[in-house]
């Protein structure tokens, strides 16, 4: 996750002035109704990433899911930038804009993530320490 955060921050630093409190891979990540989630950001800016999909701090992201992983990290990190009220808006135009921005960011950082991952594979599965 360290590589993902670095390439995302380098691509769009103006969108990410606030770092997440933590990023944690969580197995069986789900919403309160039991539906599976790719990621989740709480009101204290802790990001949780679905470890079943994207691996944990010792397992690298499956190469076929790299784009979705980057989009999820970018998306959840954008939630970190939001107010408590904005975080409560889980549907609608604001959330659609976050989805769109995260998709664009992921598409633009994919090659750099892959390049850095190949150069330092051990860093692709380390979790940022805070």
Foldseek 3Di string as FASTA:
>chain_A
DVLLVVLLCVVCVVLQVDDAPFEFEDELDDDPVSHGDQWDADQNRYIYGHCVQANGLQDGGDPVCQLVNSLRVQLSSSLSVDHPVVSVCCDDDVSVVSSVVSNVSSVVRVVVSVVVCVVPVNVRRHTDDD
